[in-house]
Amino acid sequence: MVLKPMINGALVMACLACALFFLRFWKASRDRLFAFFALAFTVMSINWMALTLLDVEDERRHYLYFIRLASFLVILYAIWDKNRAGRGSNP
């Protein structure tokens, strides 16, 4: 089973590339939305790395998916924070 770790490694690399992409936009604009998205993709890459390095075929390792949940919660908070910040400036 060489293919599964290779695909998971590609997913780690893709998540880190997305994180660097959003980090670059955060540096240019200082918009917190981009910083939160960079953090979320970094946490997602940690999740994929943990799933690659540990044997996840065992159903007792469900706690690894809490890392992914944390990433999605960061994305939801970023969207909520952006909408909350923009609400006061619109007439």
PDB file of N, CA and C in Angstrom:
ATOM      1  N   MET A   1       0.835  -1.191   0.000  1.00  0.00           N
ATOM      2  CA  MET A   1       0.000   0.000   0.000  1.00  0.00           C
ATOM      3  C   MET A   1       0.880   1.254   0.000  1.00  0.00           C
ATOM      4  N   VAL A   2       1.521   1.514  -1.099  1.00  0.00           N
ATOM      5  CA  VAL A   2       2.379   2.681  -1.226  1.00  0.00           C
ATOM      6  C   VAL A   2       1.573   3.899  -1.678  1.00  0.00           C
ATOM      7  N   LEU A   3       0.464   3.670  -2.308  1.00  0.00           N
ATOM      8  CA  LEU A   3      -0.292   4.762  -2.898  1.00  0.00           C
ATOM      9  C   LEU A   3      -0.962   5.655  -1.850  1.00  0.00           C
ATOM     10  N   LYS A   4      -1.499   5.077  -0.784  1.00  0.00           N
ATOM     11  CA  LYS A   4      -2.212   5.867   0.220  1.00  0.00           C
ATOM     12  C   LYS A   4      -1.299   6.869   0.937  1.00  0.00           C
ATOM     13  N   PRO A   5      -0.116   6.474   1.418  1.00  0.00           N
ATOM     14  CA  PRO A   5       0.761   7.484   2.032  1.00  0.00           C
ATOM     15  C   PRO A   5       1.232   8.556   1.043  1.00  0.00           C
ATOM     16  N   MET A   6       1.404   8.171  -0.207  1.00  0.00           N
ATOM     17  CA  MET A   6       1.830   9.146  -1.206  1.00  0.00           C
ATOM     18  C   MET A   6       0.725  10.175  -1.462  1.00  0.00           C
ATOM     19  N   ILE A   7      -0.516   9.730  -1.541  1.00  0.00           N
ATOM     20  CA  ILE A   7      -1.630  10.661  -1.741  1.00  0.00           C
ATOM     21  C   ILE A   7      -1.806  11.548  -0.510  1.00  0.00           C
ATOM     22  N   ASN A   8      -1.676  10.967   0.677  1.00  0.00           N
ATOM     23  CA  ASN A   8      -1.783  11.780   1.893  1.00  0.00           C
ATOM     24  C   ASN A   8      -0.643  12.797   1.977  1.00  0.00           C
ATOM     25  N   GLY A   9       0.543  12.418   1.531  1.00  0.00           N
ATOM     26  CA  GLY A   9       1.648  13.379   1.483  1.00  0.00           C
ATOM     27  C   GLY A   9       1.367  14.511   0.519  1.00  0.00           C
ATOM     28  N   ALA A  10       0.746  14.194  -0.602  1.00  0.00           N
ATOM     29  CA  ALA A  10       0.362  15.240  -1.552  1.00  0.00           C
ATOM     30  C   ALA A  10      -0.693  16.157  -0.946  1.00  0.00           C
ATOM     31  N   LEU A  11      -1.591  15.603  -0.151  1.00  0.00           N
ATOM     32  CA  LEU A  11      -2.603  16.433   0.516  1.00  0.00           C
ATOM     33  C   LEU A  11      -1.960  17.355   1.555  1.00  0.00           C
ATOM     34  N   VAL A  12      -0.962  16.854   2.267  1.00  0.00           N
ATOM     35  CA  VAL A  12      -0.236  17.702   3.222  1.00  0.00           C
ATOM     36  C   VAL A  12       0.423  18.851   2.478  1.00  0.00           C
ATOM     37  N   MET A  13       1.078  18.539   1.366  1.00  0.00           N
ATOM     38  CA  MET A  13       1.748  19.568   0.584  1.00  0.00           C
ATOM     39  C   MET A  13       0.748  20.576   0.025  1.00  0.00           C
ATOM     40  N   ALA A  14      -0.404  20.109  -0.444  1.00  0.00           N
ATOM     41  CA  ALA A  14      -1.414  21.013  -0.999  1.00  0.00           C
ATOM     42  C   ALA A  14      -1.977  21.936   0.083  1.00  0.00           C
ATOM     43  N   CYS A  15      -2.212  21.402   1.270  1.00  0.00           N
ATOM     44  CA  CYS A  15      -2.723  22.240   2.361  1.00  0.00           C
ATOM     45  C   CYS A  15      -1.703  23.288   2.775  1.00  0.00           C
ATOM     46  N   LEU A  16      -0.432  22.903   2.830  1.00  0.00           N
ATOM     47  CA  LEU A  16       0.598  23.878   3.169  1.00  0.00           C
ATOM     48  C   LEU A  16       0.768  24.924   2.074  1.00  0.00           C
ATOM     49  N   ALA A  17       0.602  24.524   0.818  1.00  0.00           N
ATOM     50  CA  ALA A  17       0.659  25.500  -0.273  1.00  0.00           C
ATOM     51  C   ALA A  17      -0.500  26.499  -0.169  1.00  0.00           C
ATOM     52  N   CYS A  18      -1.688  26.009   0.171  1.00  0.00           N
ATOM     53  CA  CYS A  18      -2.836  26.910   0.378  1.00  0.00           C
ATOM     54  C   CYS A  18      -2.589  27.838   1.562  1.00  0.00           C
ATOM     55  N   ALA A  19      -1.990  27.309   2.611  1.00  0.00           N
ATOM     56  CA  ALA A  19      -1.696  28.138   3.779  1.00  0.00           C
ATOM     57  C   ALA A  19      -0.711  29.253   3.418  1.00  0.00           C
ATOM     58  N   LEU A  20       0.313  28.938   2.645  1.00  0.00           N
ATOM     59  CA  LEU A  20       1.257  29.971   2.210  1.00  0.00           C
ATOM     60  C   LEU A  20       0.597  30.984   1.284  1.00  0.00           C
ATOM     61  N   PHE A  21      -0.324  30.521   0.458  1.00  0.00           N
ATOM     62  CA  PHE A  21      -1.073  31.411  -0.424  1.00  0.00           C
ATOM     63  C   PHE A  21      -1.856  32.439   0.389  1.00  0.00           C
ATOM     64  N   PHE A  22      -2.592  31.964   1.397  1.00  0.00           N
ATOM     65  CA  PHE A  22      -3.374  32.883   2.229  1.00  0.00           C
ATOM     66  C   PHE A  22      -2.480  33.745   3.110  1.00  0.00           C
ATOM     67  N   LEU A  23      -1.348  33.219   3.528  1.00  0.00           N
ATOM     68  CA  LEU A  23      -0.417  34.002   4.339  1.00  0.00           C
ATOM     69  C   LEU A  23       0.153  35.162   3.530  1.00  0.00           C
ATOM     70  N   ARG A  24       0.401  34.932   2.260  1.00  0.00           N
ATOM     71  CA  ARG A  24       0.902  36.002   1.393  1.00  0.00           C
ATOM     72  C   ARG A  24      -0.137  37.118   1.269  1.00  0.00           C
ATOM     73  N   PHE A  25      -1.402  36.761   1.111  1.00  0.00           N
ATOM     74  CA  PHE A  25      -2.445  37.779   1.022  1.00  0.00           C
ATOM     75  C   PHE A  25      -2.650  38.481   2.365  1.00  0.00           C
ATOM     76  N   TRP A  26      -2.453  37.761   3.463  1.00  0.00           N
ATOM     77  CA  TRP A  26      -2.569  38.407   4.768  1.00  0.00           C
ATOM     78  C   TRP A  26      -1.461  39.444   4.956  1.00  0.00           C
ATOM     79  N   LYS A  27      -0.247  39.107   4.515  1.00  0.00           N
ATOM     80  CA  LYS A  27       0.854  40.059   4.641  1.00  0.00           C
ATOM     81  C   LYS A  27       0.601  41.311   3.814  1.00  0.00           C
ATOM     82  N   ALA A  28      -0.039  41.154   2.671  1.00  0.00           N
ATOM     83  CA  ALA A  28      -0.296  42.301   1.802  1.00  0.00           C
ATOM     84  C   ALA A  28      -1.450  43.161   2.311  1.00  0.00           C
ATOM     85  N   SER A  29      -2.495  42.536   2.849  1.00  0.00           N
ATOM     86  CA  SER A  29      -3.700  43.295   3.203  1.00  0.00           C
ATOM     87  C   SER A  29      -3.934  43.443   4.696  1.00  0.00           C
ATOM     88  N   ARG A  30      -3.290  42.609   5.513  1.00  0.00           N
ATOM     89  CA  ARG A  30      -3.512  42.574   6.973  1.00  0.00           C
ATOM     90  C   ARG A  30      -4.968  42.301   7.338  1.00  0.00           C
ATOM     91  N   ASP A  31      -5.674  41.599   6.454  1.00  0.00           N
ATOM     92  CA  ASP A  31      -7.051  41.187   6.715  1.00  0.00           C
ATOM     93  C   ASP A  31      -7.021  39.887   7.516  1.00  0.00           C
ATOM     94  N   ARG A  32      -7.709  39.877   8.645  1.00  0.00           N
ATOM     95  CA  ARG A  32      -7.674  38.718   9.534  1.00  0.00           C
ATOM     96  C   ARG A  32      -8.274  37.470   8.903  1.00  0.00           C
ATOM     97  N   LEU A  33      -9.148  37.629   7.940  1.00  0.00           N
ATOM     98  CA  LEU A  33      -9.741  36.473   7.267  1.00  0.00           C
ATOM     99  C   LEU A  33      -8.658  35.602   6.640  1.00  0.00           C
ATOM    100  N   PHE A  34      -7.686  36.228   5.997  1.00  0.00           N
ATOM    101  CA  PHE A  34      -6.616  35.471   5.360  1.00  0.00           C
ATOM    102  C   PHE A  34      -5.735  34.782   6.397  1.00  0.00           C
ATOM    103  N   ALA A  35      -5.506  35.425   7.528  1.00  0.00           N
ATOM    104  CA  ALA A  35      -4.701  34.797   8.588  1.00  0.00           C
ATOM    105  C   ALA A  35      -5.415  33.577   9.152  1.00  0.00           C
ATOM    106  N   PHE A  36      -6.716  33.681   9.362  1.00  0.00           N
ATOM    107  CA  PHE A  36      -7.479  32.535   9.864  1.00  0.00           C
ATOM    108  C   PHE A  36      -7.505  31.394   8.850  1.00  0.00           C
ATOM    109  N   PHE A  37      -7.625  31.725   7.583  1.00  0.00           N
ATOM    110  CA  PHE A  37      -7.615  30.672   6.567  1.00  0.00           C
ATOM    111  C   PHE A  37      -6.244  29.999   6.491  1.00  0.00           C
ATOM    112  N   ALA A  38      -5.174  30.774   6.626  1.00  0.00           N
ATOM    113  CA  ALA A  38      -3.833  30.180   6.646  1.00  0.00           C
ATOM    114  C   ALA A  38      -3.681  29.250   7.841  1.00  0.00           C
ATOM    115  N   LEU A  39      -4.200  29.667   8.984  1.00  0.00           N
ATOM    116  CA  LEU A  39      -4.151  28.814  10.172  1.00  0.00           C
ATOM    117  C   LEU A  39      -4.972  27.548   9.971  1.00  0.00           C
ATOM    118  N   ALA A  40      -6.140  27.680   9.373  1.00  0.00           N
ATOM    119  CA  ALA A  40      -7.003  26.510   9.156  1.00  0.00           C
ATOM    120  C   ALA A  40      -6.346  25.495   8.221  1.00  0.00           C
ATOM    121  N   PHE A  41      -5.704  25.961   7.168  1.00  0.00           N
ATOM    122  CA  PHE A  41      -5.052  25.031   6.256  1.00  0.00           C
ATOM    123  C   PHE A  41      -3.798  24.419   6.873  1.00  0.00           C
ATOM    124  N   THR A  42      -3.132  25.138   7.752  1.00  0.00           N
ATOM    125  CA  THR A  42      -1.998  24.557   8.462  1.00  0.00           C
ATOM    126  C   THR A  42      -2.464  23.450   9.398  1.00  0.00           C
ATOM    127  N   VAL A  43      -3.562  23.684  10.104  1.00  0.00           N
ATOM    128  CA  VAL A  43      -4.117  22.655  10.985  1.00  0.00           C
ATOM    129  C   VAL A  43      -4.595  21.457  10.163  1.00  0.00           C
ATOM    130  N   MET A  44      -5.170  21.723   8.994  1.00  0.00           N
ATOM    131  CA  MET A  44      -5.610  20.626   8.127  1.00  0.00           C
ATOM    132  C   MET A  44      -4.422  19.792   7.647  1.00  0.00           C
ATOM    133  N   SER A  45      -3.293  20.445   7.378  1.00  0.00           N
ATOM    134  CA  SER A  45      -2.112  19.680   6.963  1.00  0.00           C
ATOM    135  C   SER A  45      -1.585  18.824   8.115  1.00  0.00           C
ATOM    136  N   ILE A  46      -1.697  19.319   9.330  1.00  0.00           N
ATOM    137  CA  ILE A  46      -1.306  18.512  10.492  1.00  0.00           C
ATOM    138  C   ILE A  46      -2.207  17.287  10.604  1.00  0.00           C
ATOM    139  N   ASN A  47      -3.483  17.467  10.319  1.00  0.00           N
ATOM    140  CA  ASN A  47      -4.413  16.340  10.339  1.00  0.00           C
ATOM    141  C   ASN A  47      -4.024  15.285   9.316  1.00  0.00           C
ATOM    142  N   TRP A  48      -3.735  15.710   8.085  1.00  0.00           N
ATOM    143  CA  TRP A  48      -3.368  14.748   7.050  1.00  0.00           C
ATOM    144  C   TRP A  48      -2.047  14.056   7.392  1.00  0.00           C
ATOM    145  N   MET A  49      -1.130  14.796   8.005  1.00  0.00           N
ATOM    146  CA  MET A  49       0.137  14.184   8.383  1.00  0.00           C
ATOM    147  C   MET A  49      -0.065  13.138   9.476  1.00  0.00           C
ATOM    148  N   ALA A  50      -0.923  13.451  10.443  1.00  0.00           N
ATOM    149  CA  ALA A  50      -1.203  12.484  11.508  1.00  0.00           C
ATOM    150  C   ALA A  50      -1.904  11.249  10.956  1.00  0.00           C
ATOM    151  N   LEU A  51      -2.813  11.443  10.015  1.00  0.00           N
ATOM    152  CA  LEU A  51      -3.491  10.303   9.407  1.00  0.00           C
ATOM    153  C   LEU A  51      -2.528   9.447   8.585  1.00  0.00           C
ATOM    154  N   THR A  52      -1.492  10.073   8.051  1.00  0.00           N
ATOM    155  CA  THR A  52      -0.504   9.327   7.277  1.00  0.00           C
ATOM    156  C   THR A  52       0.435   8.536   8.182  1.00  0.00           C
ATOM    157  N   LEU A  53       0.885   9.159   9.263  1.00  0.00           N
ATOM    158  CA  LEU A  53       1.893   8.526  10.111  1.00  0.00           C
ATOM    159  C   LEU A  53       1.324   7.481  11.062  1.00  0.00           C
ATOM    160  N   LEU A  54       0.055   7.600  11.408  1.00  0.00           N
ATOM    161  CA  LEU A  54      -0.560   6.659  12.337  1.00  0.00           C
ATOM    162  C   LEU A  54      -1.460   5.683  11.588  1.00  0.00           C
ATOM    163  N   ASP A  55      -1.660   4.541  12.157  1.00  0.00           N
ATOM    164  CA  ASP A  55      -2.536   3.537  11.555  1.00  0.00           C
ATOM    165  C   ASP A  55      -3.983   3.913  11.861  1.00  0.00           C
ATOM    166  N   VAL A  56      -4.681   4.451  10.870  1.00  0.00           N
ATOM    167  CA  VAL A  56      -6.046   4.919  11.103  1.00  0.00           C
ATOM    168  C   VAL A  56      -7.085   3.886  10.713  1.00  0.00           C
ATOM    169  N   GLU A  57      -6.667   2.715  10.316  1.00  0.00           N
ATOM    170  CA  GLU A  57      -7.634   1.664  10.009  1.00  0.00           C
ATOM    171  C   GLU A  57      -8.341   1.197  11.267  1.00  0.00           C
ATOM    172  N   ASP A  58      -7.721   1.465  12.399  1.00  0.00           N
ATOM    173  CA  ASP A  58      -8.306   1.123  13.688  1.00  0.00           C
ATOM    174  C   ASP A  58      -9.387   2.156  14.017  1.00  0.00           C
ATOM    175  N   GLU A  59     -10.597   1.712  14.298  1.00  0.00           N
ATOM    176  CA  GLU A  59     -11.707   2.635  14.542  1.00  0.00           C
ATOM    177  C   GLU A  59     -11.593   3.359  15.882  1.00  0.00           C
ATOM    178  N   ARG A  60     -10.685   2.940  16.728  1.00  0.00           N
ATOM    179  CA  ARG A  60     -10.528   3.610  18.013  1.00  0.00           C
ATOM    180  C   ARG A  60      -9.728   4.907  17.899  1.00  0.00           C
ATOM    181  N   ARG A  61      -9.258   5.232  16.736  1.00  0.00           N
ATOM    182  CA  ARG A  61      -8.474   6.458  16.547  1.00  0.00           C
ATOM    183  C   ARG A  61      -9.333   7.580  15.976  1.00  0.00           C
ATOM    184  N   HIS A  62     -10.564   7.650  16.392  1.00  0.00           N
ATOM    185  CA  HIS A  62     -11.472   8.684  15.900  1.00  0.00           C
ATOM    186  C   HIS A  62     -11.078  10.068  16.385  1.00  0.00           C
ATOM    187  N   TYR A  63     -10.268  10.154  17.425  1.00  0.00           N
ATOM    188  CA  TYR A  63      -9.880  11.446  17.977  1.00  0.00           C
ATOM    189  C   TYR A  63      -9.029  12.246  16.998  1.00  0.00           C
ATOM    190  N   LEU A  64      -8.443  11.597  16.006  1.00  0.00           N
ATOM    191  CA  LEU A  64      -7.667  12.335  15.005  1.00  0.00           C
ATOM    192  C   LEU A  64      -8.548  13.280  14.191  1.00  0.00           C
ATOM    193  N   TYR A  65      -9.803  12.948  14.070  1.00  0.00           N
ATOM    194  CA  TYR A  65     -10.693  13.792  13.282  1.00  0.00           C
ATOM    195  C   TYR A  65     -11.118  15.057  14.030  1.00  0.00           C
ATOM    196  N   PHE A  66     -10.805  15.154  15.314  1.00  0.00           N
ATOM    197  CA  PHE A  66     -11.047  16.401  16.041  1.00  0.00           C
ATOM    198  C   PHE A  66     -10.113  17.500  15.541  1.00  0.00           C
ATOM    199  N   ILE A  67      -8.954  17.110  15.015  1.00  0.00           N
ATOM    200  CA  ILE A  67      -8.052  18.098  14.421  1.00  0.00           C
ATOM    201  C   ILE A  67      -8.716  18.728  13.205  1.00  0.00           C
ATOM    202  N   ARG A  68      -9.348  17.901  12.380  1.00  0.00           N
ATOM    203  CA  ARG A  68     -10.059  18.412  11.204  1.00  0.00           C
ATOM    204  C   ARG A  68     -11.237  19.276  11.631  1.00  0.00           C
ATOM    205  N   LEU A  69     -11.934  18.874  12.674  1.00  0.00           N
ATOM    206  CA  LEU A  69     -13.041  19.672  13.187  1.00  0.00           C
ATOM    207  C   LEU A  69     -12.554  21.047  13.634  1.00  0.00           C
ATOM    208  N   ALA A  70     -11.404  21.084  14.286  1.00  0.00           N
ATOM    209  CA  ALA A  70     -10.837  22.368  14.711  1.00  0.00           C
ATOM    210  C   ALA A  70     -10.545  23.262  13.506  1.00  0.00           C
ATOM    211  N   SER A  71     -10.063  22.670  12.432  1.00  0.00           N
ATOM    212  CA  SER A  71      -9.786  23.441  11.226  1.00  0.00           C
ATOM    213  C   SER A  71     -11.068  24.037  10.645  1.00  0.00           C
ATOM    214  N   PHE A  72     -12.121  23.243  10.583  1.00  0.00           N
ATOM    215  CA  PHE A  72     -13.389  23.750  10.062  1.00  0.00           C
ATOM    216  C   PHE A  72     -13.992  24.804  10.989  1.00  0.00           C
ATOM    217  N   LEU A  73     -13.798  24.651  12.284  1.00  0.00           N
ATOM    218  CA  LEU A  73     -14.297  25.665  13.215  1.00  0.00           C
ATOM    219  C   LEU A  73     -13.545  26.982  13.061  1.00  0.00           C
ATOM    220  N   VAL A  74     -12.257  26.920  12.755  1.00  0.00           N
ATOM    221  CA  VAL A  74     -11.491  28.140  12.497  1.00  0.00           C
ATOM    222  C   VAL A  74     -12.026  28.830  11.246  1.00  0.00           C
ATOM    223  N   ILE A  75     -12.358  28.063  10.215  1.00  0.00           N
ATOM    224  CA  ILE A  75     -12.920  28.652   8.994  1.00  0.00           C
ATOM    225  C   ILE A  75     -14.275  29.295   9.282  1.00  0.00           C
ATOM    226  N   LEU A  76     -15.117  28.613  10.040  1.00  0.00           N
ATOM    227  CA  LEU A  76     -16.422  29.194  10.395  1.00  0.00           C
ATOM    228  C   LEU A  76     -16.262  30.467  11.216  1.00  0.00           C
ATOM    229  N   TYR A  77     -15.317  30.469  12.160  1.00  0.00           N
ATOM    230  CA  TYR A  77     -15.082  31.669  12.961  1.00  0.00           C
ATOM    231  C   TYR A  77     -14.562  32.804  12.084  1.00  0.00           C
ATOM    232  N   ALA A  78     -13.701  32.493  11.125  1.00  0.00           N
ATOM    233  CA  ALA A  78     -13.163  33.532  10.241  1.00  0.00           C
ATOM    234  C   ALA A  78     -14.272  34.186   9.429  1.00  0.00           C
ATOM    235  N   ILE A  79     -15.188  33.389   8.929  1.00  0.00           N
ATOM    236  CA  ILE A  79     -16.304  33.935   8.159  1.00  0.00           C
ATOM    237  C   ILE A  79     -17.216  34.760   9.057  1.00  0.00           C
ATOM    238  N   TRP A  80     -17.488  34.253  10.256  1.00  0.00           N
ATOM    239  CA  TRP A  80     -18.328  35.005  11.187  1.00  0.00           C
ATOM    240  C   TRP A  80     -17.663  36.318  11.577  1.00  0.00           C
ATOM    241  N   ASP A  81     -16.358  36.278  11.825  1.00  0.00           N
ATOM    242  CA  ASP A  81     -15.625  37.479  12.220  1.00  0.00           C
ATOM    243  C   ASP A  81     -15.619  38.508  11.094  1.00  0.00           C
ATOM    244  N   LYS A  82     -15.469  38.044   9.882  1.00  0.00           N
ATOM    245  CA  LYS A  82     -15.458  38.975   8.737  1.00  0.00           C
ATOM    246  C   LYS A  82     -16.823  39.627   8.556  1.00  0.00           C
ATOM    247  N   ASN A  83     -17.901  38.855   8.694  1.00  0.00           N
ATOM    248  CA  ASN A  83     -19.231  39.411   8.564  1.00  0.00           C
ATOM    249  C   ASN A  83     -19.574  40.346   9.721  1.00  0.00           C
ATOM    250  N   ARG A  84     -19.106  40.032  10.909  1.00  0.00           N
ATOM    251  CA  ARG A  84     -19.350  40.890  12.066  1.00  0.00           C
ATOM    252  C   ARG A  84     -18.623  42.201  11.929  1.00  0.00           C
ATOM    253  N   ALA A  85     -17.413  42.169  11.416  1.00  0.00           N
ATOM    254  CA  ALA A  85     -16.633  43.398  11.251  1.00  0.00           C
ATOM    255  C   ALA A  85     -17.213  44.281  10.154  1.00  0.00           C
ATOM    256  N   GLY A  86     -17.759  43.701   9.133  1.00  0.00           N
ATOM    257  CA  GLY A  86     -18.310  44.493   8.028  1.00  0.00           C
ATOM    258  C   GLY A  86     -19.688  45.032   8.298  1.00  0.00           C
ATOM    259  N   ARG A  87     -20.372  44.531   9.311  1.00  0.00           N
ATOM    260  CA  ARG A  87     -21.745  44.946   9.578  1.00  0.00           C
ATOM    261  C   ARG A  87     -21.818  46.383  10.048  1.00  0.00           C
ATOM    262  N   GLY A  88     -20.867  46.831  10.844  1.00  0.00           N
ATOM    263  CA  GLY A  88     -20.923  48.198  11.379  1.00  0.00           C
ATOM    264  C   GLY A  88     -20.582  49.268  10.351  1.00  0.00           C
ATOM    265  N   SER A  89     -19.875  48.911   9.283  1.00  0.00           N
ATOM    266  CA  SER A  89     -19.459  49.927   8.323  1.00  0.00           C
ATOM    267  C   SER A  89     -20.493  50.173   7.223  1.00  0.00           C
ATOM    268  N   ASN A  90     -21.440  49.274   7.044  1.00  0.00           N
ATOM    269  CA  ASN A  90     -22.475  49.461   6.024  1.00  0.00           C
ATOM    270  C   ASN A  90     -23.627  50.291   6.574  1.00  0.00           C
ATOM    271  N   PRO A  91     -24.115  51.260   5.782  1.00  0.00           N
ATOM    272  CA  PRO A  91     -25.260  52.073   6.292  1.00  0.00           C
ATOM    273  C   PRO A  91     -26.563  51.326   6.229  1.00  0.00           C
TER     274      PRO A  91
END
